[in-house]
Protein backbone atom coordinates (compact mmCIF):
# COMPACT_ATOMS: atom_id res chain seq x y z
CA MET A 1 -9.39 36.51 -84.98
CA GLU A 2 -9.23 33.00 -84.05
CA HIS A 3 -5.36 32.58 -82.36
CA PRO A 4 -2.55 29.87 -83.86
CA GLY A 5 -3.31 26.43 -82.61
CA ALA A 6 -7.04 26.49 -82.08
CA ASP A 7 -9.07 24.08 -84.08
CA ALA A 8 -6.61 22.52 -85.94
CA PRO A 9 -7.68 21.99 -89.59
CA SER A 10 -8.12 17.62 -89.24
CA GLN A 11 -7.07 15.58 -92.53
CA SER A 12 -10.75 15.19 -93.57
CA GLY A 13 -12.05 16.60 -96.90
CA PRO A 14 -13.85 19.55 -97.47
CA ARG A 15 -16.44 19.95 -94.93
CA PRO A 16 -19.80 20.91 -96.17
CA ALA A 17 -21.68 24.06 -97.06
CA GLU A 18 -24.17 23.81 -94.51
CA GLN A 19 -27.39 25.14 -95.77
CA GLY A 20 -25.27 28.19 -98.31
CA VAL A 21 -25.75 27.90 -101.60
CA VAL A 22 -21.60 27.79 -103.16
CA ILE A 23 -20.94 31.10 -105.10
CA SER A 24 -17.38 29.93 -106.20
CA ARG A 25 -14.29 27.84 -105.93
CA GLY A 26 -11.21 27.84 -105.67
CA LEU A 27 -7.87 25.44 -105.22
CA ARG A 28 -7.50 26.33 -101.37
CA VAL A 29 -11.17 27.52 -100.52
CA TYR A 30 -14.56 28.25 -102.37
CA LEU A 31 -17.34 31.34 -100.92
CA ARG A 32 -20.72 31.02 -99.95
CA THR A 33 -24.01 32.30 -98.98
CA MET A 34 -24.66 33.18 -95.67
CA VAL A 35 -26.93 31.42 -93.30
CA PRO A 36 -28.40 32.33 -89.97
CA GLN A 37 -26.63 29.48 -87.97
CA ASP A 38 -23.01 32.22 -89.39
CA LEU A 39 -24.27 34.88 -86.95
CA GLU A 40 -22.32 32.45 -84.32
CA HIS A 41 -19.26 32.95 -86.29
CA LEU A 42 -19.91 36.63 -86.15
CA SER A 43 -20.60 37.16 -82.42
CA SER A 44 -17.17 35.93 -81.43
CA TRP A 45 -15.51 38.03 -84.54
CA VAL A 46 -16.81 41.34 -83.49
CA GLU A 47 -15.04 40.19 -79.81
CA ASP A 48 -11.75 40.02 -81.36
CA PRO A 49 -9.53 43.45 -80.41
CA PHE A 50 -6.88 42.09 -82.93
CA LEU A 51 -9.36 41.76 -85.82
CA GLU A 52 -10.92 44.72 -84.76
CA ARG A 53 -8.04 46.95 -84.77
CA MET A 54 -6.34 45.21 -88.01
CA VAL A 55 -9.43 44.99 -90.28
CA GLY A 56 -11.72 48.13 -88.35
CA SER A 57 -14.29 46.22 -90.91
CA GLU A 58 -17.77 48.23 -91.15
CA PHE A 59 -19.41 45.16 -91.69
CA LEU A 60 -18.33 43.60 -88.12
CA HIS A 61 -18.60 47.22 -85.88
CA SER A 62 -22.80 47.17 -87.70
CA TYR A 63 -23.70 43.93 -86.64
CA LYS A 64 -22.22 44.73 -82.89
CA HIS A 65 -23.24 48.23 -82.18
CA VAL A 66 -25.96 49.36 -84.56
CA TRP A 67 -27.92 45.96 -84.47
CA ASP A 68 -26.57 44.57 -80.98
CA LYS A 69 -26.10 41.26 -82.71
CA SER A 70 -29.70 40.86 -83.51
CA PRO A 71 -30.67 38.14 -85.48
CA ALA A 72 -32.50 40.51 -88.00
CA PHE A 73 -28.64 41.36 -89.43
CA TYR A 74 -29.14 38.55 -91.15
CA GLU A 75 -32.04 39.18 -93.29
CA SER A 76 -30.86 42.57 -93.58
CA VAL A 77 -27.34 41.88 -95.67
CA LEU A 78 -29.55 39.38 -97.74
CA THR A 79 -31.86 42.18 -99.02
CA ASP A 80 -29.16 45.01 -98.97
CA PRO A 81 -28.52 45.79 -102.56
CA THR A 82 -25.27 47.82 -102.60
CA GLN A 83 -22.99 44.80 -100.93
CA VAL A 84 -22.23 41.15 -101.52
CA ALA A 85 -21.42 39.61 -98.35
CA LEU A 86 -20.05 35.77 -98.92
CA VAL A 87 -18.38 33.26 -96.43
CA ILE A 88 -15.08 31.59 -96.59
CA GLU A 89 -14.83 28.00 -96.49
CA ALA A 90 -11.06 26.16 -96.53
CA TYR A 91 -10.81 23.66 -97.67
CA ARG A 92 -8.50 20.36 -95.56
CA GLY A 93 -10.87 19.58 -92.89
CA TRP A 94 -11.15 23.23 -91.29
CA THR A 95 -13.96 23.29 -88.45
CA LYS A 96 -16.03 26.57 -89.37
CA PRO A 97 -15.78 29.45 -91.45
CA VAL A 98 -12.20 31.23 -91.85
CA GLY A 99 -14.20 34.87 -92.65
CA VAL A 100 -15.88 36.83 -95.34
CA VAL A 101 -15.09 38.63 -98.14
CA ARG A 102 -17.74 40.72 -99.97
CA LEU A 103 -18.24 44.06 -102.22
CA PHE A 104 -19.96 46.97 -100.75
CA ASN A 105 -21.24 50.21 -101.90
CA ILE A 106 -21.95 48.39 -105.03
CA HIS A 107 -22.88 51.06 -107.54
CA LEU A 108 -23.73 49.61 -110.69
CA LEU A 109 -24.36 52.23 -112.84
CA GLU A 110 -20.54 53.82 -112.50
CA GLY A 111 -19.77 49.82 -112.10
CA TYR A 112 -17.46 49.82 -109.44
CA ALA A 113 -17.79 48.68 -105.79
CA PHE A 114 -15.53 48.58 -102.03
CA LEU A 115 -13.61 45.11 -101.25
CA GLU A 116 -13.32 43.83 -97.52
CA THR A 117 -11.37 40.86 -96.62
CA ILE A 118 -11.45 39.21 -93.21
CA LEU A 119 -10.06 37.12 -92.25
CA THR A 120 -10.18 35.00 -88.60
CA ASP A 121 -7.48 32.59 -88.15
CA MET A 122 -4.14 32.98 -87.52
CA ARG A 123 -3.53 29.76 -89.75
CA ALA A 124 -5.72 31.15 -92.96
CA MET A 125 -3.90 34.05 -92.81
CA LYS A 126 -0.83 32.46 -93.54
CA ARG A 127 -2.04 30.25 -96.11
CA GLY A 128 -3.41 33.17 -98.21
CA PHE A 129 -6.26 31.99 -98.26
CA GLY A 130 -7.27 35.71 -97.97
CA ILE A 131 -5.64 36.41 -101.08
CA GLU A 132 -7.98 33.56 -102.83
CA ALA A 133 -11.05 34.75 -101.43
CA ALA A 134 -10.44 37.95 -102.99
CA LYS A 135 -10.05 37.40 -106.78
CA LEU A 136 -12.79 34.50 -106.58
CA ILE A 137 -15.21 37.54 -105.26
CA ALA A 138 -13.82 40.15 -107.57
CA TYR A 139 -14.03 37.45 -110.81
CA TYR A 140 -17.93 37.38 -108.91
CA GLY A 141 -17.90 40.89 -109.21
CA MET A 142 -16.90 41.23 -112.54
CA ASP A 143 -18.77 38.62 -114.17
CA VAL A 144 -22.17 38.90 -112.73
CA LEU A 145 -22.53 42.21 -111.38
CA GLY A 146 -20.83 43.85 -114.48
CA LEU A 147 -17.98 46.09 -112.05
CA ARG A 148 -15.43 47.84 -114.07
CA ARG A 149 -13.30 48.78 -110.84
CA LEU A 150 -13.22 47.69 -107.43
CA GLU A 151 -11.14 50.12 -104.09
CA ALA A 152 -10.37 49.19 -100.47
CA LYS A 153 -9.25 51.11 -97.76
CA VAL A 154 -6.39 49.35 -95.09
CA TYR A 155 -5.03 51.36 -92.61
CA GLU A 156 -1.42 52.07 -92.72
CA TYR A 157 0.39 49.57 -90.48
CA ASN A 158 -1.39 46.60 -91.45
CA VAL A 159 1.35 45.94 -93.94
CA LEU A 160 0.05 42.00 -94.44
CA SER A 161 -2.48 43.66 -96.32
CA MET A 162 -1.41 46.19 -99.02
CA ASN A 163 0.86 42.94 -100.01
CA SER A 164 -2.25 41.29 -100.34
CA LEU A 165 -3.71 43.07 -102.34
CA ARG A 166 -0.80 44.56 -104.75
CA ARG A 167 -0.69 40.32 -104.93
CA ASN A 168 -3.72 40.57 -106.42
CA GLY A 169 -2.97 43.27 -108.57
CA PHE A 170 -4.35 46.70 -106.74
CA ARG A 171 -2.21 49.38 -107.11
CA GLN A 172 -1.99 52.29 -104.29
CA GLU A 173 -3.47 55.61 -105.21
CA GLY A 174 -4.31 57.67 -102.52
CA VAL A 175 -3.84 58.33 -98.86
CA LEU A 176 -6.68 59.30 -97.06
CA ARG A 177 -4.56 61.14 -93.60
CA GLN A 178 -5.93 60.25 -90.39
CA ALA A 179 -9.11 58.68 -91.70
CA GLY A 180 -8.83 55.63 -89.35
CA PHE A 181 -9.43 55.38 -85.53
CA ASP A 182 -8.48 52.05 -84.40
CA GLY A 183 -9.97 53.35 -80.28
CA GLU A 184 -6.81 54.77 -79.19
CA ARG A 185 -5.39 56.70 -81.67
CA TYR A 186 -6.03 58.31 -85.73
CA TRP A 187 -4.41 56.52 -88.67
CA ASP A 188 -3.71 56.91 -92.35
CA LEU A 189 -5.67 55.31 -94.66
CA VAL A 190 -4.20 53.96 -97.89
CA ILE A 191 -6.40 53.42 -100.74
CA PHE A 192 -5.28 50.51 -103.53
CA GLY A 193 -7.89 50.09 -106.44
CA ILE A 194 -7.79 47.75 -109.85
CA LEU A 195 -9.24 47.46 -113.07
CA LYS A 196 -11.22 45.64 -114.92
CA ASP A 197 -8.57 44.59 -117.14
CA GLU A 198 -6.44 44.24 -115.08
CA ILE A 199 -8.26 41.43 -112.89
CA GLU A 200 -8.39 39.81 -116.12
CA ALA A 201 -4.66 39.86 -116.25
CA VAL A 202 -5.25 38.45 -112.41
CA ARG A 203 -7.17 35.78 -113.53
CA ARG A 204 -5.47 35.00 -116.71
CA ARG A 205 -2.08 34.54 -114.70
CA ASP A 206 -3.04 32.91 -111.40
CA LYS A 207 -5.94 30.10 -112.82
CA VAL A 208 -7.67 29.97 -109.55
CA TYR A 209 -11.37 29.43 -110.21
CA LEU A 210 -12.79 25.88 -110.53
CA PRO A 211 -15.73 24.91 -112.71
CA LEU A 212 -19.24 25.04 -110.08
CA ASP A 213 -20.73 21.61 -109.71
CA PRO A 214 -24.61 21.71 -112.00
CA SER A 215 -26.21 21.71 -108.57
CA GLU A 216 -24.08 24.62 -107.50
CA GLY A 217 -24.24 28.41 -108.53
CA ASN A 218 -28.03 28.28 -109.49
CA GLY A 219 -29.45 30.35 -107.11
CA ARG A 220 -31.15 27.61 -105.08
CA GLU A 221 -30.36 25.49 -102.45
CA SER A 222 -29.97 21.59 -102.76
CA THR A 223 -32.57 19.44 -102.42
């Protein structure tokens, strides 16, 4: 989690997506594929105790504790058929990515997956970048993967994330009692879900998606 005032955005235009392929563009953020250089950002993010407590990300935990920050983690993410992990880039001159959004535990036959949004910059949280990033990957899951349902889990004290999910059309569906651990004590996990027709309703309401340029979204790097 970057703290307010660090890496203040400049007044320049959108930052190039390095070598990553742009998958989806919104009004304030766009999503691109991961590149090996992103491991440098992950190495910083996994050391932030506030981020660990608020998100409790299995993605970051695996990178730090299972893979021991090994470069091989990048290839494992790329070849994992049960997840799609995309880097969140903000327009208006952010000097580095503002987080990661992913679909994981993807079950194509049953048509559902879990959603995780990891925002690492306080200013990005206040601007609603995570809300838009979650919408974009939800559309991707529905349009490209054919998913019909998404689920998300949130610590009971993470009110900001719960409100963000509700703004994206998610409904609270239950509580897993004392299923989360923040390093000190156990907490309830609140379960949210959204169906395909509800995702479509959000898309019609908000219209945050921008069409890609012809050179983007084709699964190949530009030359």
